[in-house]
Amino acid sequence: MERIIKTDLHILRMDGHELVFEVQDDMVNATRMSGTYGAEKQPSIWLETREAMGIREIVSTLKGCSERDLVQIRGEGEHAEIWMDMGLAISYAGWLLPAFMEWCAQEVRNLKEEIARRHLQAHEDEAERRIIIQIHRSDDLPS
């Protein structure tokens, strides 16, 4: 079975900067988030802070996974990107710019609401099909 990976790209334009929030499943491209902030705001620097270490510990405990599972390096050399779990990425966004953190959190809420709506709609459609099939059986029709 082939797994389809959906990427959601969200862009916030603020104070002449383009802030990018790229999401794949529960991971966020932190390298892309830091694009306009320069070398001193790279995700690798934030991940070494006491704040980030504490957040990693909390998120890994809540998710029941290893802290290593919360950060991925994708690609190699100068094209390598750091991807973070959403819980880490939202905190990282706050380190970049507090307003960016609030916006990212809202985008995550919107994504989760959209997923829930799609899931609910799929189940409603399934239930509706079952009802239609039952009604169209001649034995089920009232006499």
N, C-alpha and C. Protein backbone atom coordinates (compact mmCIF):
# COMPACT_ATOMS: atom_id res chain seq x y z
N MET A 1 0.84 -1.18 0.00
CA MET A 1 0.00 0.00 0.00
C MET A 1 0.88 1.24 0.00
N GLU A 2 0.64 2.10 -0.93
CA GLU A 2 1.42 3.33 -1.05
C GLU A 2 0.84 4.41 -0.15
N ARG A 3 1.71 5.08 0.58
CA ARG A 3 1.27 6.14 1.49
C ARG A 3 1.36 7.48 0.76
N ILE A 4 0.27 8.21 0.76
CA ILE A 4 0.24 9.52 0.12
C ILE A 4 0.57 10.57 1.17
N ILE A 5 1.59 11.39 0.89
CA ILE A 5 1.98 12.44 1.82
C ILE A 5 1.42 13.75 1.30
N LYS A 6 0.66 14.41 2.14
CA LYS A 6 0.05 15.68 1.77
C LYS A 6 0.85 16.81 2.41
N THR A 7 1.23 17.77 1.62
CA THR A 7 1.95 18.93 2.13
C THR A 7 1.02 20.13 2.09
N ASP A 8 0.93 20.81 3.22
CA ASP A 8 0.17 22.05 3.30
C ASP A 8 1.17 23.18 3.44
N LEU A 9 1.03 24.20 2.60
CA LEU A 9 1.94 25.34 2.62
C LEU A 9 1.14 26.58 3.01
N HIS A 10 1.57 27.23 4.08
CA HIS A 10 0.89 28.42 4.59
C HIS A 10 1.91 29.55 4.61
N ILE A 11 1.53 30.71 4.10
CA ILE A 11 2.46 31.83 4.01
C ILE A 11 1.85 33.04 4.70
N LEU A 12 2.63 33.64 5.59
CA LEU A 12 2.22 34.85 6.30
C LEU A 12 3.15 35.97 5.85
N ARG A 13 2.58 37.04 5.36
CA ARG A 13 3.37 38.21 4.98
C ARG A 13 3.19 39.26 6.08
N MET A 14 4.32 39.61 6.73
CA MET A 14 4.26 40.52 7.86
C MET A 14 5.51 41.39 7.88
N ASP A 15 5.32 42.68 7.99
CA ASP A 15 6.44 43.62 8.08
C ASP A 15 7.48 43.41 6.99
N GLY A 16 7.03 43.16 5.78
CA GLY A 16 7.94 42.99 4.65
C GLY A 16 8.62 41.63 4.60
N HIS A 17 8.27 40.71 5.49
CA HIS A 17 8.84 39.37 5.50
C HIS A 17 7.80 38.37 5.03
N GLU A 18 8.27 37.31 4.42
CA GLU A 18 7.40 36.21 4.04
C GLU A 18 7.75 35.03 4.95
N LEU A 19 6.85 34.70 5.86
CA LEU A 19 7.06 33.62 6.81
C LEU A 19 6.31 32.39 6.31
N VAL A 20 7.04 31.27 6.18
CA VAL A 20 6.46 30.07 5.58
C VAL A 20 6.30 28.98 6.63
N PHE A 21 5.12 28.38 6.64
CA PHE A 21 4.79 27.29 7.54
C PHE A 21 4.40 26.12 6.64
N GLU A 22 5.35 25.21 6.40
CA GLU A 22 5.14 24.06 5.52
C GLU A 22 4.93 22.82 6.39
N VAL A 23 3.78 22.17 6.22
CA VAL A 23 3.40 21.04 7.06
C VAL A 23 3.25 19.78 6.22
N GLN A 24 3.83 18.69 6.70
CA GLN A 24 3.62 17.35 6.14
C GLN A 24 3.27 16.44 7.30
N ASP A 25 2.07 15.93 7.28
CA ASP A 25 1.57 15.12 8.40
C ASP A 25 1.71 15.93 9.68
N ASP A 26 2.48 15.45 10.67
CA ASP A 26 2.65 16.18 11.93
C ASP A 26 4.00 16.89 11.99
N MET A 27 4.69 16.98 10.87
CA MET A 27 6.02 17.59 10.85
C MET A 27 5.98 18.92 10.09
N VAL A 28 6.84 19.84 10.53
CA VAL A 28 6.91 21.18 9.95
C VAL A 28 8.34 21.45 9.52
N ASN A 29 8.50 22.07 8.36
CA ASN A 29 9.82 22.41 7.84
C ASN A 29 10.35 23.65 8.58
N ALA A 30 11.14 23.41 9.62
CA ALA A 30 11.67 24.50 10.44
C ALA A 30 12.71 25.32 9.68
N THR A 31 13.45 24.69 8.79
CA THR A 31 14.44 25.42 7.99
C THR A 31 13.74 26.49 7.15
N ARG A 32 12.63 26.11 6.58
CA ARG A 32 11.87 27.06 5.75
C ARG A 32 11.27 28.18 6.61
N MET A 33 10.87 27.85 7.83
CA MET A 33 10.31 28.86 8.73
C MET A 33 11.33 29.96 9.01
N SER A 34 12.58 29.59 9.12
CA SER A 34 13.63 30.54 9.53
C SER A 34 14.24 31.29 8.36
N GLY A 35 13.72 31.06 7.16
CA GLY A 35 14.31 31.61 5.95
C GLY A 35 14.67 33.08 5.96
N THR A 36 13.89 33.91 6.60
CA THR A 36 14.15 35.36 6.55
C THR A 36 14.93 35.89 7.76
N TYR A 37 15.34 34.99 8.66
CA TYR A 37 15.94 35.46 9.90
C TYR A 37 17.46 35.34 9.99
N GLY A 38 18.11 34.69 9.05
CA GLY A 38 19.56 34.62 9.07
C GLY A 38 20.11 33.50 9.93
N ALA A 39 21.43 33.41 9.96
CA ALA A 39 22.13 32.30 10.61
C ALA A 39 21.89 32.22 12.11
N GLU A 40 21.69 33.34 12.77
CA GLU A 40 21.53 33.32 14.24
C GLU A 40 20.19 32.76 14.70
N LYS A 41 19.27 32.55 13.77
CA LYS A 41 17.94 32.04 14.13
C LYS A 41 17.66 30.67 13.50
N GLN A 42 18.70 29.95 13.12
CA GLN A 42 18.54 28.63 12.51
C GLN A 42 17.94 27.65 13.53
N PRO A 43 17.17 26.67 13.05
CA PRO A 43 16.56 25.72 13.97
C PRO A 43 17.58 24.94 14.80
N SER A 44 18.73 24.65 14.24
CA SER A 44 19.75 23.91 14.99
C SER A 44 20.20 24.69 16.22
N ILE A 45 20.21 26.00 16.15
CA ILE A 45 20.60 26.84 17.30
C ILE A 45 19.50 26.78 18.36
N TRP A 46 18.25 26.94 17.94
CA TRP A 46 17.14 26.90 18.89
C TRP A 46 17.05 25.54 19.59
N LEU A 47 17.27 24.46 18.84
CA LEU A 47 17.16 23.12 19.42
C LEU A 47 18.16 22.88 20.56
N GLU A 48 19.23 23.68 20.62
CA GLU A 48 20.23 23.56 21.68
C GLU A 48 19.88 24.40 22.92
N THR A 49 18.84 25.21 22.84
CA THR A 49 18.48 26.06 23.98
C THR A 49 17.80 25.24 25.07
N ARG A 50 17.85 25.74 26.28
CA ARG A 50 17.20 25.08 27.42
C ARG A 50 15.69 24.99 27.17
N GLU A 51 15.12 26.05 26.61
CA GLU A 51 13.68 26.06 26.30
C GLU A 51 13.31 24.91 25.38
N ALA A 52 14.05 24.75 24.30
CA ALA A 52 13.75 23.70 23.32
C ALA A 52 13.91 22.31 23.93
N MET A 53 14.94 22.13 24.73
CA MET A 53 15.15 20.83 25.36
C MET A 53 13.99 20.46 26.29
N GLY A 54 13.49 21.44 27.03
CA GLY A 54 12.35 21.20 27.90
C GLY A 54 11.09 20.87 27.11
N ILE A 55 10.86 21.59 26.02
CA ILE A 55 9.68 21.35 25.19
C ILE A 55 9.77 19.98 24.53
N ARG A 56 10.96 19.59 24.07
CA ARG A 56 11.14 18.25 23.47
C ARG A 56 10.77 17.17 24.47
N GLU A 57 11.20 17.34 25.70
CA GLU A 57 10.92 16.34 26.73
C GLU A 57 9.41 16.23 26.97
N ILE A 58 8.75 17.36 27.08
CA ILE A 58 7.30 17.37 27.32
C ILE A 58 6.55 16.74 26.15
N VAL A 59 6.88 17.17 24.93
CA VAL A 59 6.17 16.66 23.74
C VAL A 59 6.40 15.16 23.59
N SER A 60 7.63 14.70 23.81
CA SER A 60 7.89 13.26 23.66
C SER A 60 7.13 12.45 24.71
N THR A 61 7.01 12.99 25.91
CA THR A 61 6.25 12.31 26.96
C THR A 61 4.77 12.25 26.59
N LEU A 62 4.21 13.36 26.13
CA LEU A 62 2.80 13.41 25.76
C LEU A 62 2.48 12.48 24.58
N LYS A 63 3.41 12.40 23.63
CA LYS A 63 3.19 11.57 22.45
C LYS A 63 3.64 10.13 22.64
N GLY A 64 4.36 9.88 23.72
CA GLY A 64 4.84 8.53 23.98
C GLY A 64 5.88 8.08 22.96
N CYS A 65 6.76 8.99 22.60
CA CYS A 65 7.80 8.66 21.62
C CYS A 65 9.15 9.18 22.11
N SER A 66 10.17 8.81 21.39
CA SER A 66 11.52 9.27 21.71
C SER A 66 11.67 10.73 21.28
N GLU A 67 12.51 11.47 21.99
CA GLU A 67 12.77 12.86 21.60
C GLU A 67 13.39 12.91 20.20
N ARG A 68 14.13 11.89 19.83
CA ARG A 68 14.74 11.84 18.49
C ARG A 68 13.69 11.80 17.39
N ASP A 69 12.50 11.24 17.70
CA ASP A 69 11.43 11.14 16.71
C ASP A 69 10.79 12.49 16.39
N LEU A 70 11.08 13.49 17.20
CA LEU A 70 10.46 14.80 17.04
C LEU A 70 11.19 15.70 16.07
N VAL A 71 12.40 15.31 15.68
CA VAL A 71 13.21 16.12 14.76
C VAL A 71 13.77 15.20 13.68
N GLN A 72 13.67 15.64 12.43
CA GLN A 72 14.22 14.89 11.30
C GLN A 72 15.10 15.79 10.46
N ILE A 73 16.20 15.24 9.97
CA ILE A 73 17.04 15.94 9.00
C ILE A 73 16.73 15.30 7.65
N ARG A 74 16.25 16.09 6.73
CA ARG A 74 15.91 15.59 5.39
C ARG A 74 16.85 16.23 4.38
N GLY A 75 17.44 15.43 3.54
CA GLY A 75 18.39 15.93 2.55
C GLY A 75 19.80 15.90 3.10
N GLU A 76 20.72 16.39 2.27
CA GLU A 76 22.14 16.37 2.66
C GLU A 76 22.81 17.69 2.32
N GLY A 77 23.90 17.94 3.00
CA GLY A 77 24.73 19.10 2.72
C GLY A 77 23.98 20.40 2.87
N GLU A 78 24.23 21.31 1.94
CA GLU A 78 23.59 22.64 2.03
C GLU A 78 22.10 22.58 1.71
N HIS A 79 21.63 21.44 1.20
CA HIS A 79 20.20 21.29 0.90
C HIS A 79 19.44 20.59 2.02
N ALA A 80 20.13 20.27 3.12
CA ALA A 80 19.48 19.60 4.25
C ALA A 80 18.48 20.54 4.91
N GLU A 81 17.38 19.96 5.35
CA GLU A 81 16.34 20.72 6.05
C GLU A 81 16.05 20.05 7.38
N ILE A 82 15.76 20.86 8.37
CA ILE A 82 15.34 20.35 9.68
C ILE A 82 13.83 20.42 9.75
N TRP A 83 13.21 19.28 10.00
CA TRP A 83 11.76 19.18 10.16
C TRP A 83 11.48 18.86 11.63
N MET A 84 10.50 19.53 12.21
CA MET A 84 10.15 19.35 13.62
C MET A 84 8.70 18.93 13.75
N ASP A 85 8.43 18.23 14.84
CA ASP A 85 7.07 17.95 15.24
C ASP A 85 6.34 19.29 15.42
N MET A 86 5.05 19.32 15.16
CA MET A 86 4.28 20.57 15.27
C MET A 86 4.42 21.24 16.63
N GLY A 87 4.42 20.45 17.70
CA GLY A 87 4.56 21.02 19.03
C GLY A 87 5.85 21.79 19.20
N LEU A 88 6.92 21.27 18.65
CA LEU A 88 8.20 21.98 18.69
C LEU A 88 8.19 23.18 17.75
N ALA A 89 7.65 22.96 16.56
CA ALA A 89 7.69 24.01 15.54
C ALA A 89 6.94 25.27 15.96
N ILE A 90 5.83 25.10 16.65
CA ILE A 90 5.07 26.28 17.10
C ILE A 90 5.88 27.06 18.11
N SER A 91 6.55 26.36 19.02
CA SER A 91 7.42 27.05 19.99
C SER A 91 8.60 27.71 19.29
N TYR A 92 9.15 27.04 18.30
CA TYR A 92 10.25 27.61 17.53
C TYR A 92 9.80 28.89 16.82
N ALA A 93 8.58 28.88 16.29
CA ALA A 93 8.04 30.08 15.63
C ALA A 93 7.99 31.25 16.61
N GLY A 94 7.66 30.97 17.87
CA GLY A 94 7.64 32.02 18.90
C GLY A 94 9.02 32.58 19.18
N TRP A 95 10.03 31.74 19.08
CA TRP A 95 11.42 32.18 19.25
C TRP A 95 11.82 33.09 18.09
N LEU A 96 11.30 32.78 16.90
CA LEU A 96 11.59 33.63 15.74
C LEU A 96 10.87 34.97 15.86
N LEU A 97 9.58 34.92 16.18
CA LEU A 97 8.74 36.11 16.26
C LEU A 97 7.45 35.73 16.99
N PRO A 98 7.15 36.32 18.13
CA PRO A 98 5.95 35.93 18.89
C PRO A 98 4.66 35.92 18.06
N ALA A 99 4.46 36.88 17.21
CA ALA A 99 3.24 36.92 16.39
C ALA A 99 3.18 35.74 15.43
N PHE A 100 4.34 35.26 14.99
CA PHE A 100 4.41 34.11 14.09
C PHE A 100 3.92 32.86 14.82
N MET A 101 4.24 32.74 16.10
CA MET A 101 3.80 31.60 16.90
C MET A 101 2.28 31.55 16.97
N GLU A 102 1.66 32.66 17.24
CA GLU A 102 0.19 32.69 17.35
C GLU A 102 -0.45 32.35 16.00
N TRP A 103 0.11 32.88 14.93
CA TRP A 103 -0.42 32.60 13.60
C TRP A 103 -0.28 31.12 13.27
N CYS A 104 0.89 30.53 13.56
CA CYS A 104 1.12 29.10 13.29
C CYS A 104 0.15 28.24 14.10
N ALA A 105 -0.05 28.59 15.36
CA ALA A 105 -0.99 27.84 16.20
C ALA A 105 -2.39 27.89 15.61
N GLN A 106 -2.79 29.05 15.10
CA GLN A 106 -4.11 29.19 14.47
C GLN A 106 -4.18 28.35 13.20
N GLU A 107 -3.11 28.32 12.42
CA GLU A 107 -3.09 27.51 11.20
C GLU A 107 -3.23 26.02 11.54
N VAL A 108 -2.58 25.57 12.60
CA VAL A 108 -2.69 24.18 13.03
C VAL A 108 -4.13 23.88 13.46
N ARG A 109 -4.74 24.79 14.21
CA ARG A 109 -6.15 24.60 14.60
C ARG A 109 -7.04 24.50 13.36
N ASN A 110 -6.80 25.36 12.37
CA ASN A 110 -7.58 25.33 11.14
C ASN A 110 -7.39 24.01 10.40
N LEU A 111 -6.15 23.53 10.33
CA LEU A 111 -5.86 22.25 9.66
C LEU A 111 -6.60 21.11 10.35
N LYS A 112 -6.53 21.09 11.68
CA LYS A 112 -7.19 20.00 12.42
C LYS A 112 -8.70 20.07 12.27
N GLU A 113 -9.27 21.26 12.25
CA GLU A 113 -10.71 21.39 12.02
C GLU A 113 -11.10 20.91 10.63
N GLU A 114 -10.27 21.22 9.63
CA GLU A 114 -10.53 20.78 8.26
C GLU A 114 -10.47 19.26 8.17
N ILE A 115 -9.49 18.65 8.81
CA ILE A 115 -9.37 17.19 8.81
C ILE A 115 -10.57 16.57 9.50
N ALA A 116 -10.99 17.13 10.62
CA ALA A 116 -12.16 16.62 11.34
C ALA A 116 -13.41 16.74 10.48
N ARG A 117 -13.57 17.87 9.78
CA ARG A 117 -14.74 18.05 8.90
C ARG A 117 -14.75 17.01 7.79
N ARG A 118 -13.58 16.79 7.16
CA ARG A 118 -13.50 15.79 6.09
C ARG A 118 -13.83 14.40 6.61
N HIS A 119 -13.32 14.09 7.80
CA HIS A 119 -13.57 12.78 8.40
C HIS A 119 -15.06 12.62 8.70
N LEU A 120 -15.67 13.63 9.28
CA LEU A 120 -17.08 13.59 9.60
C LEU A 120 -17.91 13.47 8.32
N GLN A 121 -17.55 14.24 7.30
CA GLN A 121 -18.27 14.21 6.03
C GLN A 121 -18.18 12.81 5.41
N ALA A 122 -17.01 12.20 5.46
CA ALA A 122 -16.84 10.85 4.91
C ALA A 122 -17.75 9.86 5.62
N HIS A 123 -17.85 9.98 6.94
CA HIS A 123 -18.72 9.07 7.69
C HIS A 123 -20.19 9.37 7.43
N GLU A 124 -20.54 10.64 7.28
CA GLU A 124 -21.93 10.99 6.97
C GLU A 124 -22.31 10.44 5.60
N ASP A 125 -21.41 10.58 4.60
CA ASP A 125 -21.68 10.06 3.26
C ASP A 125 -21.86 8.55 3.31
N GLU A 126 -21.02 7.87 4.09
CA GLU A 126 -21.11 6.42 4.22
C GLU A 126 -22.46 6.02 4.82
N ALA A 127 -22.87 6.71 5.89
CA ALA A 127 -24.16 6.42 6.53
C ALA A 127 -25.31 6.68 5.56
N GLU A 128 -25.23 7.77 4.79
CA GLU A 128 -26.27 8.11 3.83
C GLU A 128 -26.36 7.04 2.75
N ARG A 129 -25.23 6.54 2.26
CA ARG A 129 -25.24 5.49 1.24
C ARG A 129 -25.90 4.23 1.78
N ARG A 130 -25.61 3.88 3.04
CA ARG A 130 -26.21 2.69 3.63
C ARG A 130 -27.74 2.84 3.71
N ILE A 131 -28.20 4.02 4.07
CA ILE A 131 -29.65 4.26 4.17
C ILE A 131 -30.28 4.16 2.80
N ILE A 132 -29.67 4.76 1.79
CA ILE A 132 -30.22 4.72 0.43
C ILE A 132 -30.27 3.29 -0.08
N ILE A 133 -29.22 2.52 0.16
CA ILE A 133 -29.18 1.13 -0.28
C ILE A 133 -30.30 0.35 0.41
N GLN A 134 -30.50 0.57 1.70
CA GLN A 134 -31.54 -0.15 2.43
C GLN A 134 -32.93 0.20 1.89
N ILE A 135 -33.17 1.44 1.57
CA ILE A 135 -34.47 1.86 1.09
C ILE A 135 -34.75 1.30 -0.29
N HIS A 136 -33.73 1.16 -1.11
CA HIS A 136 -33.93 0.69 -2.46
C HIS A 136 -34.06 -0.82 -2.59
N ARG A 137 -33.90 -1.55 -1.55
CA ARG A 137 -34.16 -2.98 -1.60
C ARG A 137 -35.68 -3.16 -1.53
N SER A 138 -36.21 -3.96 -2.42
CA SER A 138 -37.68 -4.09 -2.50
C SER A 138 -38.26 -4.64 -1.20
N ASP A 139 -37.53 -5.47 -0.49
CA ASP A 139 -38.03 -6.02 0.77
C ASP A 139 -38.16 -4.94 1.84
N ASP A 140 -37.38 -3.84 1.71
CA ASP A 140 -37.37 -2.79 2.71
C ASP A 140 -38.44 -1.73 2.47
N LEU A 141 -39.06 -1.74 1.31
CA LEU A 141 -40.05 -0.71 1.01
C LEU A 141 -41.36 -1.02 1.74
N PRO A 142 -42.00 0.01 2.23
CA PRO A 142 -43.30 -0.23 2.89
C PRO A 142 -44.33 -0.71 1.88
N SER A 143 -45.30 -1.54 2.33
CA SER A 143 -46.33 -2.04 1.41
C SER A 143 -47.52 -1.12 1.36
